[in-house]
């Protein structure tokens, strides 16, 4: 009976972890979301500045990704009613909560590249 309980707990923990990873990947999936967050870490940027900072992303795709990041509260869109109208995007405090994850991904990516290149 105890072994059965341990197995159930292990399955519950596994399901919990898988659920968390699934949620994170759902919100941050794709090629562009993390590069956008990284580019905004330097400070607020206008659309064109952001597109230049990221590189090879189309305006349509950048707009879509920004809307999704805004919907998930990682990015804030600030509209200034000047002439012409100025729109800036900036990372929220919640968006900054990704810093540790980004640092770990970066470190792992560098290590992985070195491993593959050393073969």
C-alpha atoms as a PDB file:
ATOM      1  CA  UNK A   1       0.000   0.000   0.000  1.00  0.00           C
ATOM      2  CA  UNK A   2       2.864   2.412   0.829  1.00  0.00           C
ATOM      3  CA  UNK A   3       4.587   1.682  -2.507  1.00  0.00           C
ATOM      4  CA  UNK A   4       1.271   2.399  -4.235  1.00  0.00           C
ATOM      5  CA  UNK A   5       1.060   5.752  -2.415  1.00  0.00           C
ATOM      6  CA  UNK A   6       4.642   6.675  -3.412  1.00  0.00           C
ATOM      7  CA  UNK A   7       3.907   5.871  -7.037  1.00  0.00           C
ATOM      8  CA  UNK A   8       0.773   8.032  -6.931  1.00  0.00           C
ATOM      9  CA  UNK A   9       2.721  10.916  -5.400  1.00  0.00           C
ATOM     10  CA  UNK A  10       5.412  10.528  -8.011  1.00  0.00           C
ATOM     11  CA  UNK A  11       2.811  10.618 -10.780  1.00  0.00           C
ATOM     12  CA  UNK A  12       1.165  13.661  -9.204  1.00  0.00           C
ATOM     13  CA  UNK A  13       4.505  15.462  -8.992  1.00  0.00           C
ATOM     14  CA  UNK A  14       5.285  14.540 -12.579  1.00  0.00           C
ATOM     15  CA  UNK A  15       1.914  15.819 -13.761  1.00  0.00           C
ATOM     16  CA  UNK A  16       2.445  19.023 -11.766  1.00  0.00           C
ATOM     17  CA  UNK A  17       5.871  19.590 -13.329  1.00  0.00           C
ATOM     18  CA  UNK A  18       4.661  18.768 -16.828  1.00  0.00           C
ATOM     19  CA  UNK A  19       1.772  21.167 -16.368  1.00  0.00           C
ATOM     20  CA  UNK A  20       4.139  23.960 -15.307  1.00  0.00           C
ATOM     21  CA  UNK A  21       6.481  23.367 -18.239  1.00  0.00           C
ATOM     22  CA  UNK A  22       3.530  23.203 -20.627  1.00  0.00           C
ATOM     23  CA  UNK A  23       2.212  26.546 -19.349  1.00  0.00           C
ATOM     24  CA  UNK A  24       5.641  28.195 -19.619  1.00  0.00           C
ATOM     25  CA  UNK A  25       6.229  26.900 -23.137  1.00  0.00           C
ATOM     26  CA  UNK A  26       2.732  27.928 -24.208  1.00  0.00           C
ATOM     27  CA  UNK A  27       3.344  31.523 -23.113  1.00  0.00           C
ATOM     28  CA  UNK A  28       6.946  31.767 -24.359  1.00  0.00           C
ATOM     29  CA  UNK A  29       6.760  29.514 -27.414  1.00  0.00           C
ATOM     30  CA  UNK A  30       8.164  30.487 -30.744  1.00  0.00           C
ATOM     31  CA  UNK A  31      11.353  31.916 -32.101  1.00  0.00           C
ATOM     32  CA  UNK A  32      10.756  35.570 -31.206  1.00  0.00           C
ATOM     33  CA  UNK A  33       9.244  36.040 -27.739  1.00  0.00           C
ATOM     34  CA  UNK A  34      12.429  35.667 -25.715  1.00  0.00           C
ATOM     35  CA  UNK A  35      14.502  37.813 -28.119  1.00  0.00           C
ATOM     36  CA  UNK A  36      11.836  40.547 -27.772  1.00  0.00           C
ATOM     37  CA  UNK A  37      12.003  40.306 -23.977  1.00  0.00           C
ATOM     38  CA  UNK A  38      15.809  40.453 -24.109  1.00  0.00           C
ATOM     39  CA  UNK A  39      15.762  43.494 -26.413  1.00  0.00           C
ATOM     40  CA  UNK A  40      13.320  45.288 -24.092  1.00  0.00           C
ATOM     41  CA  UNK A  41      15.494  44.498 -21.083  1.00  0.00           C
ATOM     42  CA  UNK A  42      17.750  47.354 -22.234  1.00  0.00           C
ATOM     43  CA  UNK A  43      14.842  49.783 -21.839  1.00  0.00           C
ATOM     44  CA  UNK A  44      11.722  50.973 -23.671  1.00  0.00           C
ATOM     45  CA  UNK A  45      11.792  50.861 -27.454  1.00  0.00           C
ATOM     46  CA  UNK A  46       9.632  52.078 -30.281  1.00  0.00           C
ATOM     47  CA  UNK A  47       8.409  49.508 -32.801  1.00  0.00           C
ATOM     48  CA  UNK A  48      11.086  50.266 -35.401  1.00  0.00           C
ATOM     49  CA  UNK A  49      13.862  50.282 -32.810  1.00  0.00           C
ATOM     50  CA  UNK A  50      12.669  46.939 -31.517  1.00  0.00           C
ATOM     51  CA  UNK A  51      12.519  45.476 -35.016  1.00  0.00           C
ATOM     52  CA  UNK A  52      16.085  46.635 -35.742  1.00  0.00           C
ATOM     53  CA  UNK A  53      17.346  45.305 -32.396  1.00  0.00           C
ATOM     54  CA  UNK A  54      15.877  41.861 -33.031  1.00  0.00           C
ATOM     55  CA  UNK A  55      16.821  41.589 -36.672  1.00  0.00           C
ATOM     56  CA  UNK A  56      15.113  39.271 -39.110  1.00  0.00           C
ATOM     57  CA  UNK A  57      11.473  39.648 -37.973  1.00  0.00           C
ATOM     58  CA  UNK A  58       8.644  40.974 -40.124  1.00  0.00           C
ATOM     59  CA  UNK A  59       6.523  43.865 -38.830  1.00  0.00           C
ATOM     60  CA  UNK A  60       3.417  41.658 -38.920  1.00  0.00           C
ATOM     61  CA  UNK A  61       5.053  38.965 -36.805  1.00  0.00           C
ATOM     62  CA  UNK A  62       6.559  41.482 -34.377  1.00  0.00           C
ATOM     63  CA  UNK A  63       3.139  43.052 -33.905  1.00  0.00           C
ATOM     64  CA  UNK A  64       1.562  39.647 -33.237  1.00  0.00           C
ATOM     65  CA  UNK A  65       4.259  38.644 -30.741  1.00  0.00           C
ATOM     66  CA  UNK A  66       4.043  42.000 -28.925  1.00  0.00           C
ATOM     67  CA  UNK A  67       0.271  41.622 -28.566  1.00  0.00           C
ATOM     68  CA  UNK A  68       0.710  38.147 -27.075  1.00  0.00           C
ATOM     69  CA  UNK A  69       3.441  39.340 -24.707  1.00  0.00           C
ATOM     70  CA  UNK A  70       1.227  42.258 -23.684  1.00  0.00           C
ATOM     71  CA  UNK A  71      -1.745  39.939 -23.141  1.00  0.00           C
ATOM     72  CA  UNK A  72       0.407  37.807 -20.821  1.00  0.00           C
ATOM     73  CA  UNK A  73       1.629  40.928 -18.959  1.00  0.00           C
ATOM     74  CA  UNK A  74       5.301  40.643 -19.944  1.00  0.00           C
ATOM     75  CA  UNK A  75       5.242  43.827 -22.031  1.00  0.00           C
ATOM     76  CA  UNK A  76       3.478  47.150 -21.619  1.00  0.00           C
ATOM     77  CA  UNK A  77       2.497  49.333 -24.561  1.00  0.00           C
ATOM     78  CA  UNK A  78       2.712  53.037 -23.780  1.00  0.00           C
ATOM     79  CA  UNK A  79       1.007  55.542 -26.109  1.00  0.00           C
ATOM     80  CA  UNK A  80       2.132  59.180 -25.931  1.00  0.00           C
ATOM     81  CA  UNK A  81      -0.342  61.647 -27.437  1.00  0.00           C
ATOM     82  CA  UNK A  82       2.189  63.837 -29.154  1.00  0.00           C
ATOM     83  CA  UNK A  83       2.356  64.826 -32.785  1.00  0.00           C
ATOM     84  CA  UNK A  84       3.090  62.396 -34.279  1.00  0.00           C
ATOM     85  CA  UNK A  85       1.781  59.815 -31.810  1.00  0.00           C
ATOM     86  CA  UNK A  86       4.616  57.968 -30.114  1.00  0.00           C
ATOM     87  CA  UNK A  87       4.233  54.338 -29.040  1.00  0.00           C
ATOM     88  CA  UNK A  88       6.816  52.610 -26.890  1.00  0.00           C
ATOM     89  CA  UNK A  89       7.026  49.062 -25.601  1.00  0.00           C
ATOM     90  CA  UNK A  90       8.623  48.256 -22.298  1.00  0.00           C
ATOM     91  CA  UNK A  91       9.184  45.248 -20.128  1.00  0.00           C
ATOM     92  CA  UNK A  92       6.950  45.002 -17.080  1.00  0.00           C
ATOM     93  CA  UNK A  93       8.185  43.947 -13.645  1.00  0.00           C
ATOM     94  CA  UNK A  94       6.555  40.600 -14.367  1.00  0.00           C
ATOM     95  CA  UNK A  95       8.481  40.407 -17.647  1.00  0.00           C
ATOM     96  CA  UNK A  96      11.679  40.988 -15.690  1.00  0.00           C
ATOM     97  CA  UNK A  97      10.871  37.861 -13.689  1.00  0.00           C
ATOM     98  CA  UNK A  98      12.176  35.944 -16.740  1.00  0.00           C
ATOM     99  CA  UNK A  99      15.744  37.216 -16.150  1.00  0.00           C
ATOM    100  CA  UNK A 100      16.915  34.100 -14.297  1.00  0.00           C
ATOM    101  CA  UNK A 101      15.372  31.783 -16.862  1.00  0.00           C
ATOM    102  CA  UNK A 102      16.991  33.713 -19.720  1.00  0.00           C
ATOM    103  CA  UNK A 103      20.399  33.635 -17.992  1.00  0.00           C
ATOM    104  CA  UNK A 104      20.120  29.876 -17.470  1.00  0.00           C
ATOM    105  CA  UNK A 105      19.027  29.302 -21.092  1.00  0.00           C
ATOM    106  CA  UNK A 106      21.919  31.425 -22.317  1.00  0.00           C
ATOM    107  CA  UNK A 107      24.462  29.554 -20.182  1.00  0.00           C
ATOM    108  CA  UNK A 108      23.065  26.200 -21.265  1.00  0.00           C
ATOM    109  CA  UNK A 109      23.041  27.263 -24.933  1.00  0.00           C
ATOM    110  CA  UNK A 110      26.693  28.327 -24.795  1.00  0.00           C
ATOM    111  CA  UNK A 111      27.625  25.047 -23.102  1.00  0.00           C
ATOM    112  CA  UNK A 112      25.613  23.032 -25.630  1.00  0.00           C
ATOM    113  CA  UNK A 113      27.165  24.819 -28.621  1.00  0.00           C
ATOM    114  CA  UNK A 114      30.656  24.163 -27.250  1.00  0.00           C
ATOM    115  CA  UNK A 115      29.808  20.493 -26.692  1.00  0.00           C
ATOM    116  CA  UNK A 116      28.475  20.021 -30.228  1.00  0.00           C
ATOM    117  CA  UNK A 117      31.353  21.927 -31.838  1.00  0.00           C
ATOM    118  CA  UNK A 118      33.944  19.894 -29.935  1.00  0.00           C
ATOM    119  CA  UNK A 119      32.829  16.620 -31.536  1.00  0.00           C
END
